[in-house]
Amino acid sequence: MSNSMFTTKQVLRKARILKNPSKVYARHKGLHKRYKENPELAMITDCAEVNGTNLQDPFRTTVSMNKELNVSFKVGVHRAVGGDHDFPNPGDMLCATLASCMESTTRMIANLYNIQLTKTRVHVSAIVDVRGTLRMDLSTPVEFQSMHIDFDVEAEGLNEKVLNMLIQGTKKSCIIYQTLKKGIPVTINVNSKNTKYA
């Protein structure tokens, strides 16, 4: 029974999409075909890199994002750990990453289902006890203890059922949200001429 209901929902969703074709649907249709034929093409790599300059300044650096676009941002250190907080700090950038992924995912899902958005606002905050990173209290974890998302969305004719579908779809499809929520293995390779450290 539940399988037939799920199939019916899928058919209704597909019919709605086909009736109201969207930019997202058109692009995804081509990508689905491409990735079915060549699954290895679905594996992509995003990147960011810091090449240290002015290494005598312990409180500021520049990060470059995306090798193809090479977009650079100045990064500062939070005043809570001794910096001047004159540029966004890495915690701000973490929040920005989650907020931008949630908002852009919402836009795509809304476009896919022909939902006419009139307002979006995603505010992300992250809370950390800095005593851990300052090595003042070794029992304090060196990590954010919690993150919170305030999500405002408005659209033409947006009822509770459609809003719930939009929010659940966003949560399920947002790569950054799912990565942070579940955690991820991180590996490190160290290259150094200092043989004691390498």
Protein backbone atom coordinates (compact mmCIF):
# COMPACT_ATOMS: atom_id res chain seq x y z
CA MET A 1 0.00 0.00 0.00
CA SER A 2 2.72 2.48 0.99
CA ASN A 3 4.71 1.57 -2.16
CA SER A 4 1.76 2.38 -4.43
CA MET A 5 1.15 5.64 -2.54
CA PHE A 6 4.82 6.58 -2.97
CA THR A 7 4.59 5.80 -6.70
CA THR A 8 1.45 7.92 -6.99
CA LYS A 9 3.22 10.82 -5.27
CA GLN A 10 6.14 10.46 -7.66
CA VAL A 11 3.82 10.47 -10.68
CA LEU A 12 1.97 13.55 -9.40
CA ARG A 13 5.23 15.38 -8.74
CA LYS A 14 6.56 14.45 -12.17
CA ALA A 15 3.32 15.58 -13.83
CA ARG A 16 3.53 18.90 -12.02
CA ILE A 17 7.13 19.38 -13.13
CA LEU A 18 6.36 18.47 -16.75
CA LYS A 19 3.36 20.80 -16.76
CA ASN A 20 5.53 23.66 -15.44
CA PRO A 21 9.02 23.04 -16.83
CA SER A 22 11.74 24.90 -14.94
CA LYS A 23 15.39 25.80 -15.52
CA VAL A 24 16.38 23.43 -12.73
CA TYR A 25 14.33 20.56 -14.21
CA ALA A 26 15.86 21.10 -17.66
CA ARG A 27 19.40 21.09 -16.31
CA HIS A 28 18.83 18.18 -13.93
CA LYS A 29 17.28 16.06 -16.69
CA GLY A 30 20.49 16.31 -18.71
CA LEU A 31 22.66 15.68 -15.65
CA HIS A 32 20.64 12.60 -14.64
CA LYS A 33 21.19 11.09 -18.11
CA ARG A 34 24.90 11.94 -18.04
CA TYR A 35 25.49 10.49 -14.56
CA LYS A 36 23.51 7.32 -15.29
CA GLU A 37 25.71 6.68 -18.33
CA ASN A 38 28.96 7.70 -16.54
CA PRO A 39 28.56 7.58 -12.73
CA GLU A 40 32.20 8.65 -12.24
CA LEU A 41 31.33 12.10 -13.64
CA ALA A 42 29.10 12.72 -10.60
CA MET A 43 32.18 12.78 -8.33
CA ILE A 44 33.30 16.42 -8.16
CA THR A 45 35.92 18.18 -6.04
CA ASP A 46 35.41 21.62 -4.50
CA CYS A 47 38.48 23.33 -3.12
CA ALA A 48 39.95 26.30 -1.29
CA GLU A 49 43.60 27.17 -0.77
CA VAL A 50 45.70 29.50 1.34
CA ASN A 51 49.18 30.41 0.12
CA GLY A 52 50.63 32.25 3.05
CA THR A 53 51.95 35.76 2.46
CA ASN A 54 53.10 38.28 5.07
CA LEU A 55 53.76 35.36 7.41
CA GLN A 56 54.86 37.71 10.20
CA ASP A 57 51.18 38.71 10.67
CA PRO A 58 49.56 35.98 12.82
CA PHE A 59 46.06 37.46 12.56
CA ARG A 60 45.28 37.81 8.83
CA THR A 61 45.46 35.69 5.68
CA THR A 62 43.79 35.32 2.29
CA VAL A 63 41.91 32.26 1.06
CA SER A 64 41.28 31.51 -2.60
CA MET A 65 38.19 29.52 -3.48
CA ASN A 66 37.52 27.47 -6.60
CA LYS A 67 40.51 26.84 -8.89
CA GLU A 68 38.51 27.77 -11.98
CA LEU A 69 37.22 31.12 -10.64
CA ASN A 70 40.07 31.81 -8.17
CA VAL A 71 37.96 34.10 -5.95
CA SER A 72 39.93 35.49 -3.00
CA PHE A 73 38.71 36.61 0.43
CA LYS A 74 40.62 38.20 3.30
CA VAL A 75 40.26 36.23 6.53
CA GLY A 76 40.92 37.49 10.06
CA VAL A 77 41.13 35.94 13.48
CA HIS A 78 38.29 36.39 15.99
CA ARG A 79 38.97 38.79 18.86
CA ALA A 80 37.93 36.01 21.28
CA VAL A 81 41.22 34.25 20.50
CA GLY A 82 43.39 37.38 20.24
CA GLY A 83 42.73 38.61 16.71
CA ASP A 84 41.48 42.01 15.55
CA HIS A 85 38.32 40.59 13.94
CA ASP A 86 38.77 43.08 11.09
CA PHE A 87 37.80 40.51 8.43
CA PRO A 88 35.41 37.54 8.48
CA ASN A 89 36.88 34.69 10.50
CA PRO A 90 36.78 30.98 9.60
CA GLY A 91 33.71 30.45 11.83
CA ASP A 92 31.89 33.19 9.91
CA MET A 93 32.84 31.46 6.68
CA LEU A 94 31.55 28.13 7.99
CA CYS A 95 28.22 29.80 8.78
CA ALA A 96 28.22 31.49 5.36
CA THR A 97 28.81 28.15 3.66
CA LEU A 98 25.83 26.54 5.39
CA ALA A 99 23.55 29.58 4.88
CA SER A 100 24.37 29.91 1.19
CA CYS A 101 23.96 26.18 0.52
CA MET A 102 20.59 26.07 2.32
CA GLU A 103 19.30 29.17 0.50
CA SER A 104 20.48 28.12 -2.96
CA THR A 105 19.05 24.60 -2.45
CA THR A 106 15.72 26.18 -1.49
CA ARG A 107 15.77 28.28 -4.67
CA MET A 108 16.40 25.25 -6.87
CA ILE A 109 13.70 23.12 -5.26
CA ALA A 110 11.22 26.01 -5.46
CA ASN A 111 12.05 26.46 -9.16
CA LEU A 112 11.72 22.73 -9.76
CA TYR A 113 8.21 22.67 -8.28
CA ASN A 114 7.12 26.02 -9.73
CA ILE A 115 6.93 27.67 -6.30
CA GLN A 116 7.15 31.45 -6.72
CA LEU A 117 9.39 32.62 -3.88
CA THR A 118 8.86 36.15 -2.57
CA LYS A 119 11.31 36.06 0.34
CA THR A 120 14.18 33.93 1.62
CA ARG A 121 16.38 34.51 4.63
CA VAL A 122 18.76 31.96 6.13
CA HIS A 123 20.65 33.08 9.22
CA VAL A 124 23.20 30.63 10.63
CA SER A 125 24.92 30.97 13.99
CA ALA A 126 27.58 28.74 15.51
CA ILE A 127 28.54 28.59 19.18
CA VAL A 128 32.01 27.64 20.39
CA ASP A 129 33.77 27.70 23.76
CA VAL A 130 37.20 29.11 22.83
CA ARG A 131 38.87 27.84 26.01
CA GLY A 132 39.49 24.59 24.15
CA THR A 133 41.49 26.11 21.29
CA LEU A 134 43.34 28.38 23.74
CA ARG A 135 44.36 25.20 25.62
CA MET A 136 43.06 26.67 28.89
CA ASP A 137 40.82 23.72 29.66
CA LEU A 138 41.73 20.41 28.04
CA SER A 139 38.26 19.02 28.76
CA THR A 140 36.70 21.66 26.48
CA PRO A 141 36.34 20.25 22.95
CA VAL A 142 38.09 22.19 20.17
CA GLU A 143 34.97 22.38 18.01
CA PHE A 144 31.72 24.25 17.63
CA GLN A 145 29.36 22.97 20.29
CA SER A 146 26.24 23.82 18.28
CA MET A 147 24.92 25.48 15.14
CA HIS A 148 21.49 26.99 14.61
CA ILE A 149 19.58 27.97 11.46
CA ASP A 150 16.83 30.60 11.35
CA PHE A 151 15.01 29.98 8.08
CA ASP A 152 12.42 32.44 6.72
CA VAL A 153 10.70 31.64 3.46
CA GLU A 154 7.66 33.14 1.78
CA ALA A 155 6.04 32.33 -1.54
CA GLU A 156 2.85 32.89 -3.47
CA GLY A 157 0.17 30.44 -2.30
CA LEU A 158 2.55 28.69 0.09
CA ASN A 159 0.45 26.49 2.36
CA GLU A 160 1.77 24.42 5.25
CA LYS A 161 1.99 21.20 3.21
CA VAL A 162 4.02 22.80 0.40
CA LEU A 163 6.22 24.65 2.93
CA ASN A 164 6.97 21.39 4.73
CA MET A 165 7.83 19.71 1.40
CA LEU A 166 10.14 22.62 0.52
CA ILE A 167 11.93 22.60 3.90
CA GLN A 168 12.29 18.80 4.02
CA GLY A 169 13.54 18.78 0.43
CA THR A 170 16.07 21.49 1.26
CA LYS A 171 17.35 19.62 4.32
CA LYS A 172 17.66 16.35 2.38
CA SER A 173 19.39 17.94 -0.63
CA CYS A 174 21.68 20.52 1.03
CA ILE A 175 25.18 19.03 0.85
CA ILE A 176 26.69 21.28 3.53
CA TYR A 177 23.81 20.70 5.99
CA GLN A 178 24.01 16.93 5.56
CA THR A 179 27.82 16.94 5.86
CA LEU A 180 27.85 18.98 9.06
CA LYS A 181 24.94 17.06 10.57
CA LYS A 182 26.52 13.65 10.01
CA GLY A 183 30.21 14.52 10.25
CA ILE A 184 32.92 13.52 7.76
CA PRO A 185 36.34 11.88 7.86
CA VAL A 186 39.18 14.38 7.26
CA THR A 187 42.64 13.24 6.20
CA ILE A 188 45.85 15.32 6.31
CA ASN A 189 49.04 15.02 4.27
CA VAL A 190 51.98 17.09 5.54
CA ASN A 191 54.69 18.11 3.09
CA SER A 192 57.68 19.77 4.75
CA LYS A 193 61.42 20.13 4.23
CA ASN A 194 61.68 19.91 8.00
CA THR A 195 62.48 16.19 8.31
CA LYS A 196 61.63 16.17 12.03
CA TYR A 197 58.03 17.08 11.17
CA ALA A 198 57.49 15.42 7.79
